[in-house]
N, C-alpha and C. Protein backbone atom coordinates (compact mmCIF):
# COMPACT_ATOMS: atom_id res chain seq x y z
N MET A 1 0.83 -1.07 0.14
CA MET A 1 0.01 -0.04 -0.11
C MET A 1 0.88 1.18 -0.08
N ASN A 2 0.59 2.12 -0.81
CA ASN A 2 1.30 3.44 -0.89
C ASN A 2 0.39 4.64 -0.41
N PRO A 3 0.50 4.87 0.91
CA PRO A 3 -0.49 5.96 1.52
C PRO A 3 -0.46 7.31 0.82
N ASP A 4 0.60 7.81 0.26
CA ASP A 4 0.73 9.11 -0.62
C ASP A 4 -0.34 8.97 -1.81
N TYR A 5 -0.03 7.83 -2.51
CA TYR A 5 -0.94 7.54 -3.66
C TYR A 5 -2.36 7.36 -3.38
N ASP A 6 -2.49 6.51 -2.27
CA ASP A 6 -3.95 6.40 -1.91
C ASP A 6 -4.70 7.74 -1.48
N MET A 7 -3.82 8.63 -0.95
CA MET A 7 -4.41 9.88 -0.76
C MET A 7 -5.07 10.58 -1.76
N VAL A 8 -4.49 10.51 -3.10
CA VAL A 8 -5.06 11.12 -4.09
C VAL A 8 -6.43 10.40 -4.50
N LYS A 9 -6.51 9.17 -4.28
CA LYS A 9 -7.98 8.45 -4.50
C LYS A 9 -8.83 8.92 -3.46
N LEU A 10 -8.34 9.34 -2.14
CA LEU A 10 -9.32 9.77 -1.21
C LEU A 10 -9.90 11.03 -1.65
N VAL A 11 -9.06 11.97 -2.12
CA VAL A 11 -9.64 13.14 -2.80
C VAL A 11 -10.54 13.06 -3.92
N LEU A 12 -10.15 12.42 -4.92
CA LEU A 12 -11.01 12.21 -6.02
C LEU A 12 -12.06 11.34 -5.96
N GLY A 13 -12.08 10.36 -5.03
CA GLY A 13 -13.25 9.31 -4.82
C GLY A 13 -13.92 9.45 -3.66
N PRO A 14 -14.74 8.36 -3.24
CA PRO A 14 -15.50 8.61 -2.14
C PRO A 14 -14.74 8.31 -0.86
N PRO A 15 -15.28 8.72 0.32
CA PRO A 15 -14.53 8.63 1.61
C PRO A 15 -14.25 7.21 2.04
N PRO A 16 -13.03 7.02 2.48
CA PRO A 16 -12.52 5.58 2.83
C PRO A 16 -13.37 5.02 4.26
N LEU A 17 -12.95 3.82 4.64
CA LEU A 17 -13.30 3.32 5.85
C LEU A 17 -12.43 4.01 6.87
N ASN A 18 -13.03 5.09 7.52
CA ASN A 18 -11.94 5.89 8.40
C ASN A 18 -11.25 5.17 9.58
N ASP A 19 -11.86 4.19 10.10
CA ASP A 19 -11.24 3.60 11.16
C ASP A 19 -10.06 2.63 10.80
N ILE A 20 -10.11 2.33 9.73
CA ILE A 20 -9.00 1.25 9.27
C ILE A 20 -7.96 1.90 8.23
N TYR A 21 -8.24 3.08 8.00
CA TYR A 21 -7.03 3.65 7.02
C TYR A 21 -5.83 4.11 7.87
N PRO A 22 -4.62 3.66 7.25
CA PRO A 22 -3.40 3.89 8.10
C PRO A 22 -3.10 5.34 7.89
N TRP A 23 -3.81 6.25 8.50
CA TRP A 23 -3.49 7.83 8.69
C TRP A 23 -2.21 8.00 9.17
N ASP A 24 -1.55 7.23 9.99
CA ASP A 24 -0.38 7.55 10.60
C ASP A 24 0.89 7.42 9.54
N LYS A 25 0.57 6.89 8.36
CA LYS A 25 1.47 6.61 7.40
C LYS A 25 1.59 7.89 6.38
N LEU A 26 0.69 8.77 6.53
CA LEU A 26 0.77 9.89 5.48
C LEU A 26 1.70 10.83 5.74
N SER A 27 2.45 11.47 5.00
CA SER A 27 3.50 12.54 5.29
C SER A 27 2.81 13.89 5.21
N GLY A 28 3.54 14.91 5.41
CA GLY A 28 3.03 16.29 5.63
C GLY A 28 2.40 16.80 4.36
N LEU A 29 3.06 16.60 3.14
CA LEU A 29 2.49 17.17 1.97
C LEU A 29 1.15 16.55 1.50
N PRO A 30 0.95 15.28 1.81
CA PRO A 30 -0.28 14.76 1.42
C PRO A 30 -1.20 15.08 2.32
N TRP A 31 -0.96 15.35 3.53
CA TRP A 31 -2.06 15.73 4.49
C TRP A 31 -2.37 17.17 4.03
N ALA A 32 -1.49 17.91 3.67
CA ALA A 32 -1.89 19.38 3.33
C ALA A 32 -2.90 19.30 2.15
N TYR A 33 -2.55 18.55 1.06
CA TYR A 33 -3.41 18.27 -0.09
C TYR A 33 -4.80 17.91 0.17
N LEU A 34 -4.73 16.75 1.15
CA LEU A 34 -5.90 15.99 1.51
C LEU A 34 -6.86 16.89 2.23
N LEU A 35 -6.52 17.68 3.21
CA LEU A 35 -7.32 18.63 4.03
C LEU A 35 -7.60 19.80 3.29
N ARG A 36 -6.99 20.22 2.14
CA ARG A 36 -7.49 21.28 1.48
C ARG A 36 -8.71 20.96 0.82
N ALA A 37 -8.94 19.55 0.42
CA ALA A 37 -9.93 19.06 -0.34
C ALA A 37 -11.33 18.56 0.65
N ARG A 38 -10.47 17.78 1.62
CA ARG A 38 -11.45 16.98 2.66
C ARG A 38 -11.24 17.57 4.11
N PRO A 39 -11.50 18.61 4.55
CA PRO A 39 -11.25 19.26 5.74
C PRO A 39 -11.81 18.25 6.81
N GLN A 40 -12.92 17.44 6.54
CA GLN A 40 -13.52 16.63 7.58
C GLN A 40 -12.58 15.46 8.15
N PHE A 41 -11.46 15.36 7.50
CA PHE A 41 -10.41 14.40 7.86
C PHE A 41 -9.41 14.83 8.94
N ALA A 42 -9.56 16.17 9.25
CA ALA A 42 -8.62 16.76 10.28
C ALA A 42 -8.53 16.02 11.37
N LYS A 43 -9.55 15.36 11.91
CA LYS A 43 -9.22 14.67 13.35
C LYS A 43 -8.39 13.45 13.33
N TYR A 44 -7.99 13.11 12.04
CA TYR A 44 -6.92 11.94 11.91
C TYR A 44 -5.43 12.58 11.89
N CYS A 45 -5.39 13.91 11.72
CA CYS A 45 -4.12 14.35 11.26
C CYS A 45 -3.14 14.55 12.29
N ASP A 46 -1.87 14.08 12.23
CA ASP A 46 -0.78 14.47 13.21
C ASP A 46 -0.10 15.77 12.64
N TRP A 47 -0.54 16.87 13.28
CA TRP A 47 -0.09 18.33 12.74
C TRP A 47 1.30 18.39 12.71
N ASP A 48 2.10 17.55 13.64
CA ASP A 48 3.48 17.79 13.58
C ASP A 48 4.19 17.32 12.27
N LYS A 49 3.41 16.64 11.60
CA LYS A 49 4.09 16.20 10.19
C LYS A 49 4.15 17.23 9.08
N LEU A 50 3.44 18.31 9.34
CA LEU A 50 3.30 19.53 8.46
C LEU A 50 4.42 20.29 8.54
N ASP A 51 5.20 20.59 7.38
CA ASP A 51 6.41 21.75 7.58
C ASP A 51 5.72 22.91 7.24
N GLY A 52 6.60 24.01 6.94
CA GLY A 52 6.17 25.49 6.87
C GLY A 52 5.32 25.55 5.55
N HIS A 53 5.84 24.75 4.54
CA HIS A 53 5.17 25.12 3.29
C HIS A 53 4.04 24.17 3.14
N ASN A 54 3.87 23.30 3.85
CA ASN A 54 2.80 22.40 4.04
C ASN A 54 1.61 23.11 4.59
N TRP A 55 1.92 23.89 5.65
CA TRP A 55 1.10 24.78 6.31
C TRP A 55 0.48 25.86 5.52
N ALA A 56 1.40 26.37 4.69
CA ALA A 56 1.04 27.54 3.81
C ALA A 56 0.21 27.22 2.83
N ARG A 57 0.36 25.85 2.17
CA ARG A 57 -0.57 25.35 1.31
C ARG A 57 -1.97 25.09 1.93
N LEU A 58 -1.93 24.32 3.04
CA LEU A 58 -3.18 24.09 3.77
C LEU A 58 -4.09 25.36 4.15
N LEU A 59 -3.37 26.17 4.77
CA LEU A 59 -4.21 27.42 5.35
C LEU A 59 -4.54 28.38 4.30
N ALA A 60 -3.89 28.37 2.95
CA ALA A 60 -4.41 29.40 2.08
C ALA A 60 -5.85 28.76 1.74
N LYS A 61 -6.17 27.58 1.67
CA LYS A 61 -7.33 27.25 1.47
C LYS A 61 -8.34 26.99 2.64
N GLN A 62 -7.81 26.54 3.82
CA GLN A 62 -8.51 26.16 4.98
C GLN A 62 -8.03 26.82 6.02
N PRO A 63 -8.30 28.15 6.19
CA PRO A 63 -7.66 28.98 7.41
C PRO A 63 -8.21 28.61 8.79
N GLN A 64 -9.21 27.90 8.82
CA GLN A 64 -9.70 27.49 10.14
C GLN A 64 -8.72 26.62 10.86
N PHE A 65 -7.84 26.04 10.25
CA PHE A 65 -6.87 25.08 10.86
C PHE A 65 -5.68 25.88 11.50
N ALA A 66 -5.73 27.19 11.32
CA ALA A 66 -4.45 28.13 11.86
C ALA A 66 -4.21 27.89 13.28
N LYS A 67 -5.29 27.34 14.21
CA LYS A 67 -5.17 27.26 15.46
C LYS A 67 -4.21 25.94 15.94
N TYR A 68 -4.00 25.11 14.81
CA TYR A 68 -3.10 24.10 15.16
C TYR A 68 -1.69 24.26 14.60
N CYS A 69 -1.39 25.45 13.83
CA CYS A 69 -0.20 25.70 13.12
C CYS A 69 0.92 26.10 14.29
N ASP A 70 2.22 25.55 13.96
CA ASP A 70 3.42 25.97 14.51
C ASP A 70 3.98 27.04 13.60
N TRP A 71 3.84 28.24 13.98
CA TRP A 71 4.00 29.32 13.19
C TRP A 71 5.75 29.51 12.90
N ASP A 72 6.44 28.94 13.85
CA ASP A 72 7.84 29.03 13.72
C ASP A 72 8.36 28.37 12.60
N LYS A 73 7.45 27.33 11.93
CA LYS A 73 7.94 26.54 10.90
C LYS A 73 8.00 27.27 9.52
N LEU A 74 7.19 28.22 9.43
CA LEU A 74 7.09 28.96 8.13
C LEU A 74 8.16 29.89 7.95
N ARG A 75 8.76 29.81 6.79
CA ARG A 75 9.95 30.63 6.15
C ARG A 75 9.22 31.79 5.61
N GLY A 76 10.02 32.73 5.07
CA GLY A 76 9.65 33.87 4.37
C GLY A 76 8.83 33.56 3.18
N SER A 77 9.19 32.78 2.37
CA SER A 77 8.43 32.48 1.11
C SER A 77 7.08 31.69 1.41
N ALA A 78 6.99 31.03 2.49
CA ALA A 78 5.73 30.34 2.99
C ALA A 78 4.92 31.41 3.39
N TRP A 79 5.33 32.27 4.37
CA TRP A 79 4.66 33.41 4.64
C TRP A 79 4.02 34.20 3.55
N ARG A 80 5.01 34.55 2.58
CA ARG A 80 4.42 35.34 1.44
C ARG A 80 3.33 34.60 0.63
N ASP A 81 3.30 33.26 0.44
CA ASP A 81 2.29 32.64 -0.28
C ASP A 81 0.89 32.49 0.42
N LEU A 82 1.20 32.30 1.75
CA LEU A 82 0.12 32.36 2.53
C LEU A 82 -0.70 33.66 2.64
N LEU A 83 -0.03 34.61 3.00
CA LEU A 83 -0.63 36.05 3.20
C LEU A 83 -1.39 36.52 1.90
N ILE A 84 -0.73 36.14 0.69
CA ILE A 84 -1.39 36.46 -0.47
C ILE A 84 -2.74 36.06 -0.56
N GLU A 85 -3.00 34.85 0.01
CA GLU A 85 -4.32 34.25 0.02
C GLU A 85 -5.21 34.69 1.16
N GLN A 86 -4.43 34.64 2.45
CA GLN A 86 -5.17 34.87 3.67
C GLN A 86 -4.47 36.14 4.33
N PRO A 87 -4.70 37.27 4.03
CA PRO A 87 -3.90 38.42 4.77
C PRO A 87 -4.33 38.53 6.24
N GLN A 88 -5.47 38.05 6.57
CA GLN A 88 -5.81 38.21 7.97
C GLN A 88 -5.03 37.52 8.89
N LEU A 89 -4.28 36.39 8.30
CA LEU A 89 -3.34 35.59 9.16
C LEU A 89 -2.00 36.47 9.56
N SER A 90 -1.85 37.77 9.05
CA SER A 90 -0.56 38.57 9.18
C SER A 90 -0.26 38.72 10.72
N LYS A 91 -1.43 38.85 11.41
CA LYS A 91 -1.06 39.04 12.95
C LYS A 91 -0.14 37.81 13.64
N HIS A 92 0.13 36.73 12.82
CA HIS A 92 0.97 35.60 13.37
C HIS A 92 2.47 35.72 12.73
N CYS A 93 2.49 36.82 11.63
CA CYS A 93 3.78 36.58 10.82
C CYS A 93 4.98 37.20 11.67
N ALA A 94 6.20 36.55 11.39
CA ALA A 94 7.32 36.86 11.87
C ALA A 94 7.93 37.63 10.56
N TRP A 95 7.74 38.98 10.53
CA TRP A 95 8.11 39.84 9.29
C TRP A 95 9.53 39.80 8.98
N ASP A 96 10.29 39.59 9.83
CA ASP A 96 11.73 39.71 9.48
C ASP A 96 12.29 38.38 8.67
N LYS A 97 11.38 37.46 8.68
CA LYS A 97 11.73 36.21 7.57
C LYS A 97 11.60 36.66 6.21
N LEU A 98 10.80 37.58 5.90
CA LEU A 98 10.56 37.77 4.50
C LEU A 98 11.81 38.59 3.83
N ARG A 99 12.15 38.09 2.66
CA ARG A 99 13.26 38.90 1.97
C ARG A 99 12.68 39.74 0.93
N GLY A 100 13.51 40.54 0.09
CA GLY A 100 13.01 41.66 -0.63
C GLY A 100 12.11 41.00 -1.70
N HIS A 101 12.24 39.89 -2.36
CA HIS A 101 11.53 39.54 -3.35
C HIS A 101 10.19 39.03 -2.69
N ASP A 102 10.25 38.41 -1.58
CA ASP A 102 8.97 38.12 -0.85
C ASP A 102 8.16 39.31 -0.73
N TRP A 103 8.73 40.26 -0.15
CA TRP A 103 7.80 41.63 0.10
C TRP A 103 7.26 42.01 -1.21
N ALA A 104 7.98 42.28 -2.32
CA ALA A 104 7.58 42.60 -3.64
C ALA A 104 6.47 41.77 -4.09
N ARG A 105 6.49 40.57 -4.05
CA ARG A 105 5.40 39.71 -4.61
C ARG A 105 4.23 39.80 -3.59
N LEU A 106 4.44 39.90 -2.35
CA LEU A 106 3.25 40.05 -1.39
C LEU A 106 2.65 41.36 -1.52
N LEU A 107 3.29 42.48 -1.56
CA LEU A 107 2.63 43.69 -1.74
C LEU A 107 2.03 44.03 -2.97
N SER A 108 2.56 43.24 -4.04
CA SER A 108 1.86 43.40 -5.35
C SER A 108 0.38 42.92 -5.30
N GLU A 109 0.13 41.94 -4.33
CA GLU A 109 -1.26 41.51 -4.27
C GLU A 109 -1.99 42.02 -2.99
N GLN A 110 -1.21 42.46 -1.98
CA GLN A 110 -1.83 42.88 -0.76
C GLN A 110 -1.21 44.17 -0.20
N PRO A 111 -1.45 45.23 -0.87
CA PRO A 111 -0.62 46.57 -0.62
C PRO A 111 -0.87 46.97 0.89
N GLN A 112 -2.04 46.52 1.30
CA GLN A 112 -2.30 47.20 2.55
C GLN A 112 -1.46 46.59 3.83
N LEU A 113 -0.58 45.53 3.35
CA LEU A 113 0.43 45.15 4.30
C LEU A 113 1.82 46.05 4.38
N SER A 114 1.80 46.95 3.59
CA SER A 114 3.03 47.68 3.39
C SER A 114 3.41 48.51 4.78
N GLU A 115 2.48 48.64 5.64
CA GLU A 115 3.08 49.26 6.87
C GLU A 115 3.97 48.31 7.61
N TYR A 116 4.08 47.05 7.19
CA TYR A 116 5.09 46.19 8.07
C TYR A 116 6.28 46.03 7.37
N CYS A 117 6.43 46.66 6.23
CA CYS A 117 7.62 46.42 5.28
C CYS A 117 9.03 47.16 5.64
N PRO A 118 9.89 46.49 5.91
CA PRO A 118 11.26 47.20 5.99
C PRO A 118 11.93 47.58 4.57
N TRP A 119 11.57 48.68 3.96
CA TRP A 119 11.75 49.10 2.69
C TRP A 119 13.31 48.66 2.33
N ASP A 120 14.16 48.83 3.33
CA ASP A 120 15.42 48.55 2.80
C ASP A 120 15.86 47.35 2.40
N LYS A 121 14.83 46.34 2.52
CA LYS A 121 15.19 45.09 2.00
C LYS A 121 14.85 44.99 0.52
N LEU A 122 14.29 45.81 -0.13
CA LEU A 122 13.86 45.74 -1.48
C LEU A 122 15.24 46.07 -2.38
N THR A 123 15.51 45.31 -3.30
CA THR A 123 16.41 45.70 -4.46
C THR A 123 15.74 46.45 -5.63
N GLY A 124 16.58 46.95 -6.36
CA GLY A 124 16.02 47.65 -7.69
C GLY A 124 15.09 46.79 -8.32
N LEU A 125 15.44 45.52 -8.36
CA LEU A 125 14.46 44.70 -9.38
C LEU A 125 13.24 44.50 -8.46
N ASN A 126 13.37 44.39 -7.19
CA ASN A 126 12.09 44.24 -6.40
C ASN A 126 11.20 45.27 -6.57
N TRP A 127 11.70 46.70 -6.41
CA TRP A 127 11.03 47.81 -6.57
C TRP A 127 10.40 47.88 -8.02
N SER A 128 11.16 47.55 -9.16
CA SER A 128 10.54 47.53 -10.45
C SER A 128 9.34 46.56 -10.49
N TRP A 129 9.49 45.36 -10.04
CA TRP A 129 8.33 44.51 -9.94
C TRP A 129 7.15 45.09 -9.16
N LEU A 130 7.41 45.54 -8.05
CA LEU A 130 6.32 46.19 -7.38
C LEU A 130 5.68 47.27 -7.71
N LEU A 131 6.43 48.20 -8.20
CA LEU A 131 5.78 49.55 -8.73
C LEU A 131 5.23 49.32 -10.06
N ARG A 132 5.33 48.30 -10.81
CA ARG A 132 4.52 48.15 -12.00
C ARG A 132 3.12 47.80 -11.78
N VAL A 133 2.92 47.19 -10.58
CA VAL A 133 1.60 46.71 -10.17
C VAL A 133 1.11 47.83 -9.07
N GLN A 134 1.67 48.25 -8.26
CA GLN A 134 1.32 49.32 -7.32
C GLN A 134 2.16 50.48 -7.18
N PRO A 135 1.80 51.34 -8.22
CA PRO A 135 2.78 52.52 -8.21
C PRO A 135 2.52 53.54 -7.05
N GLN A 136 1.29 53.44 -6.37
CA GLN A 136 1.26 54.24 -5.34
C GLN A 136 2.29 54.10 -4.05
N LEU A 137 2.98 53.08 -4.27
CA LEU A 137 3.96 52.75 -3.13
C LEU A 137 5.14 53.48 -3.43
N SER A 138 5.30 54.05 -4.56
CA SER A 138 6.53 54.81 -4.97
C SER A 138 7.22 55.80 -3.97
N GLU A 139 6.27 56.44 -3.15
CA GLU A 139 6.80 57.30 -2.07
C GLU A 139 7.83 56.75 -1.13
N HIS A 140 7.82 55.29 -1.12
CA HIS A 140 8.87 54.71 -0.15
C HIS A 140 10.12 54.24 -0.90
N CYS A 141 10.28 54.46 -2.22
CA CYS A 141 11.29 53.85 -3.10
C CYS A 141 12.65 54.54 -3.09
N ALA A 142 13.54 53.74 -2.90
CA ALA A 142 15.10 54.39 -3.09
C ALA A 142 15.34 54.14 -4.38
N TRP A 143 15.14 55.30 -5.17
CA TRP A 143 15.31 55.30 -6.71
C TRP A 143 16.75 54.95 -7.14
N ASP A 144 17.69 55.21 -6.32
CA ASP A 144 19.10 54.95 -6.71
C ASP A 144 19.34 53.56 -7.00
N LYS A 145 18.50 52.61 -6.29
CA LYS A 145 18.71 51.15 -6.37
C LYS A 145 18.33 50.55 -7.67
N LEU A 146 17.60 51.31 -8.42
CA LEU A 146 17.05 50.86 -9.80
C LEU A 146 18.10 50.86 -10.82
N ASP A 147 18.50 49.84 -11.54
CA ASP A 147 19.58 49.92 -12.59
C ASP A 147 18.96 50.32 -13.92
N ARG A 148 19.54 50.23 -14.99
CA ARG A 148 19.02 50.47 -16.38
C ARG A 148 17.77 49.62 -16.71
N PHE A 149 18.20 48.22 -16.39
CA PHE A 149 17.01 47.39 -16.86
C PHE A 149 15.68 47.44 -15.84
N ASP A 150 16.07 47.64 -14.61
CA ASP A 150 14.70 48.11 -13.66
C ASP A 150 14.05 49.20 -14.14
N TRP A 151 14.65 50.27 -14.65
CA TRP A 151 13.95 51.48 -15.19
C TRP A 151 13.25 51.29 -16.43
N ALA A 152 13.87 50.70 -17.33
CA ALA A 152 13.10 50.28 -18.47
C ALA A 152 11.96 49.43 -18.42
N TRP A 153 12.05 48.45 -17.63
CA TRP A 153 11.03 47.56 -17.31
C TRP A 153 9.81 48.27 -16.57
N LEU A 154 10.16 49.09 -15.68
CA LEU A 154 9.17 49.79 -14.86
C LEU A 154 8.41 50.71 -15.66
N LEU A 155 9.22 51.67 -16.62
CA LEU A 155 8.62 52.72 -17.25
C LEU A 155 7.73 52.21 -18.40
N THR A 156 8.03 50.98 -18.83
CA THR A 156 6.99 50.48 -19.97
C THR A 156 5.59 50.30 -19.49
N GLU A 157 5.54 50.21 -18.14
CA GLU A 157 4.11 50.09 -17.47
C GLU A 157 3.58 51.24 -16.83
N GLN A 158 4.61 52.09 -16.04
CA GLN A 158 4.12 53.23 -15.29
C GLN A 158 4.94 54.22 -15.79
N PRO A 159 4.71 54.87 -16.88
CA PRO A 159 5.60 56.00 -17.46
C PRO A 159 5.43 57.29 -16.65
N GLN A 160 4.37 57.48 -15.75
CA GLN A 160 4.42 58.66 -14.91
C GLN A 160 5.35 58.69 -13.86
N LEU A 161 6.10 57.62 -13.54
CA LEU A 161 7.12 57.63 -12.76
C LEU A 161 8.57 58.05 -13.35
N SER A 162 8.42 58.60 -14.49
CA SER A 162 9.74 58.92 -15.30
C SER A 162 10.32 60.29 -14.68
N GLU A 163 9.66 60.94 -13.77
CA GLU A 163 10.23 62.16 -13.34
C GLU A 163 11.22 61.73 -12.32
N TYR A 164 11.32 60.42 -11.93
CA TYR A 164 12.30 60.06 -10.78
C TYR A 164 13.59 59.30 -11.57
N CYS A 165 13.45 59.12 -12.90
CA CYS A 165 14.49 58.29 -13.51
C CYS A 165 15.74 59.13 -13.63
N ASP A 166 16.77 58.35 -13.48
CA ASP A 166 18.12 58.94 -13.88
C ASP A 166 18.42 58.32 -15.41
N TRP A 167 18.06 59.17 -16.27
CA TRP A 167 18.09 58.72 -17.72
C TRP A 167 19.57 58.34 -18.30
N LYS A 168 20.58 58.70 -17.48
CA LYS A 168 22.04 58.37 -17.84
C LYS A 168 22.30 57.00 -17.73
N LYS A 169 21.40 56.17 -16.95
CA LYS A 169 21.66 54.76 -16.70
C LYS A 169 21.19 53.84 -18.02
N LEU A 170 20.18 54.56 -18.80
CA LEU A 170 19.74 53.80 -19.90
C LEU A 170 20.74 53.60 -21.04
N ASN A 171 20.95 52.49 -21.65
CA ASN A 171 21.58 52.30 -22.89
C ASN A 171 20.87 52.45 -24.31
N GLY A 172 21.29 52.26 -25.29
CA GLY A 172 20.54 52.21 -26.48
C GLY A 172 19.40 51.22 -26.58
N PHE A 173 19.59 49.95 -26.12
CA PHE A 173 18.78 48.97 -26.32
C PHE A 173 17.68 49.21 -25.24
N ASP A 174 17.92 49.72 -24.15
CA ASP A 174 16.85 50.16 -23.19
C ASP A 174 15.87 51.15 -23.73
N TRP A 175 16.54 52.09 -24.44
CA TRP A 175 15.72 53.14 -25.02
C TRP A 175 14.86 52.68 -26.10
N ALA A 176 15.26 51.53 -26.93
CA ALA A 176 14.52 51.08 -27.94
C ALA A 176 13.34 50.36 -27.46
N TRP A 177 13.62 49.51 -26.19
CA TRP A 177 12.66 48.83 -25.71
C TRP A 177 11.48 49.58 -25.16
N LEU A 178 12.08 50.80 -24.35
CA LEU A 178 10.97 51.55 -23.71
C LEU A 178 10.31 52.34 -24.69
N LEU A 179 10.79 53.03 -25.66
CA LEU A 179 10.21 53.79 -26.55
C LEU A 179 9.07 53.11 -27.47
N THR A 180 9.47 51.73 -27.71
CA THR A 180 8.42 50.92 -28.38
C THR A 180 7.01 50.84 -27.61
N GLU A 181 7.20 50.91 -26.38
CA GLU A 181 6.07 50.89 -25.43
C GLU A 181 5.47 52.24 -25.08
N GLN A 182 6.37 53.13 -24.95
CA GLN A 182 6.02 54.49 -24.49
C GLN A 182 6.63 55.68 -25.30
N PRO A 183 6.25 55.98 -26.55
CA PRO A 183 7.08 56.80 -27.42
C PRO A 183 6.89 58.21 -26.79
N GLN A 184 6.08 58.72 -26.15
CA GLN A 184 5.87 59.93 -25.63
C GLN A 184 7.14 60.26 -24.50
N LEU A 185 7.97 59.31 -24.30
CA LEU A 185 9.23 59.56 -23.48
C LEU A 185 10.41 59.84 -24.41
N SER A 186 10.06 60.04 -25.67
CA SER A 186 11.35 60.48 -26.54
C SER A 186 11.92 61.62 -26.40
N GLU A 187 11.18 62.53 -25.56
CA GLU A 187 11.87 63.70 -25.45
C GLU A 187 13.15 63.67 -24.45
N TYR A 188 13.25 62.58 -23.83
CA TYR A 188 14.36 62.38 -22.81
C TYR A 188 15.44 61.60 -23.22
N CYS A 189 15.26 61.14 -24.48
CA CYS A 189 16.20 60.10 -25.16
C CYS A 189 17.42 60.70 -25.65
N ALA A 190 18.37 60.05 -25.31
CA ALA A 190 19.90 60.34 -25.73
C ALA A 190 20.15 59.35 -27.17
N TRP A 191 19.64 59.99 -28.31
CA TRP A 191 19.50 59.37 -29.45
C TRP A 191 20.89 58.73 -29.96
N ASP A 192 21.97 59.30 -29.51
CA ASP A 192 23.11 58.85 -30.00
C ASP A 192 23.62 57.53 -29.31
N LYS A 193 22.86 57.21 -28.32
CA LYS A 193 23.25 55.84 -27.76
C LYS A 193 22.56 54.49 -28.51
N LEU A 194 21.74 54.88 -29.44
CA LEU A 194 21.01 53.84 -30.30
C LEU A 194 22.09 53.25 -31.30
N SER A 195 22.13 52.06 -31.42
CA SER A 195 23.08 51.55 -32.45
C SER A 195 22.09 51.15 -33.61
N VAL A 196 22.68 50.82 -34.82
CA VAL A 196 21.93 50.41 -35.85
C VAL A 196 20.79 49.38 -35.54
N LEU A 197 21.12 48.39 -34.80
CA LEU A 197 20.11 47.23 -34.55
C LEU A 197 19.09 47.88 -33.70
N ALA A 198 19.49 48.76 -32.78
CA ALA A 198 18.50 49.31 -31.68
C ALA A 198 17.54 50.26 -32.47
N TRP A 199 18.00 50.92 -33.37
CA TRP A 199 17.15 51.85 -34.16
C TRP A 199 16.14 50.76 -35.04
N ALA A 200 16.69 49.74 -35.65
CA ALA A 200 15.85 48.92 -36.42
C ALA A 200 14.69 48.28 -35.60
N THR A 201 14.90 47.97 -34.36
CA THR A 201 14.09 47.58 -33.50
C THR A 201 12.81 48.50 -33.14
N LEU A 202 13.55 49.66 -32.90
CA LEU A 202 12.51 50.79 -32.35
C LEU A 202 11.56 51.19 -33.61
N LEU A 203 12.12 51.33 -35.01
CA LEU A 203 11.19 51.97 -35.91
C LEU A 203 10.42 50.88 -36.55
N ARG A 204 10.67 49.52 -36.29
CA ARG A 204 9.67 48.64 -36.54
C ARG A 204 8.27 48.91 -35.94
N TRP A 205 8.26 49.51 -34.73
CA TRP A 205 7.06 49.60 -34.10
C TRP A 205 6.64 51.03 -33.92
N GLN A 206 7.52 51.99 -33.95
CA GLN A 206 7.35 53.35 -33.86
C GLN A 206 8.02 54.15 -35.05
N PRO A 207 7.64 53.85 -36.15
CA PRO A 207 8.31 54.49 -37.55
C PRO A 207 8.24 56.08 -37.33
N GLN A 208 7.37 56.74 -36.73
CA GLN A 208 7.30 58.30 -36.57
C GLN A 208 8.47 58.68 -35.90
N LEU A 209 9.40 57.99 -35.19
CA LEU A 209 10.54 58.43 -34.54
C LEU A 209 11.68 58.42 -35.32
N SER A 210 11.63 58.22 -36.59
CA SER A 210 12.69 58.15 -37.44
C SER A 210 13.16 59.60 -37.70
N VAL A 211 12.51 60.64 -37.35
CA VAL A 211 13.06 62.07 -37.64
C VAL A 211 14.09 62.26 -36.57
N TYR A 212 14.21 61.27 -35.47
CA TYR A 212 15.34 61.64 -34.70
C TYR A 212 16.56 60.86 -34.90
N ARG A 213 16.52 60.05 -35.99
CA ARG A 213 17.60 59.22 -36.50
C ARG A 213 18.68 59.90 -36.92
N PRO A 214 19.94 59.88 -36.43
CA PRO A 214 21.10 60.52 -37.10
C PRO A 214 21.40 59.91 -38.42
N ALA A 215 22.07 60.71 -39.34
CA ALA A 215 22.17 60.36 -40.68
C ALA A 215 23.23 59.10 -40.78
N THR A 216 24.00 58.92 -39.68
CA THR A 216 24.98 57.94 -39.49
C THR A 216 24.62 56.74 -38.97
N ALA A 217 23.29 56.69 -38.42
CA ALA A 217 22.87 55.41 -37.61
C ALA A 217 22.10 54.43 -38.67
């Protein structure tokens, strides 16, 4: 008998004979998936078998089991995934476990939790990711952390943040990419940075910008 395989059959099929099923043979991950689908089997569960990620998977769907959770087991990524689905459980969170990319992903879904964020953990890439989705959090941003790629990626979605951009960081291909999506930012472009290939890429999508092309490009 393979208890983990049989667990799948439990979820998809009719309930088992509860008193004779070898519940003690199930490991943590199968328990998490089983209880997500069949919470009525919780009385058979040995909660100690669940690790942090098992708990995050379970509580994301069945938060009523939070009273059994050993919160110390959850790492930053587990907290991130859980709070995206169940932000009301934030009262249990050890915030210092979350890294910059965890915060960026969490706040992109649950921006109201920003009051707990230590902003200095976020890298330029984290900021670019977050502000593409939640630009209202820009007041907390350390703009100098963003590199050329971070800026080009961000401004393709949120061009109104261009007032904070250090344009000197962008190279020719960054400009070609950015202006393909946001041609109104052409007034800031250092056209001499664009190579022949960058010009070809840009003009394929924004041919009206050919008026800025140097004769030698």
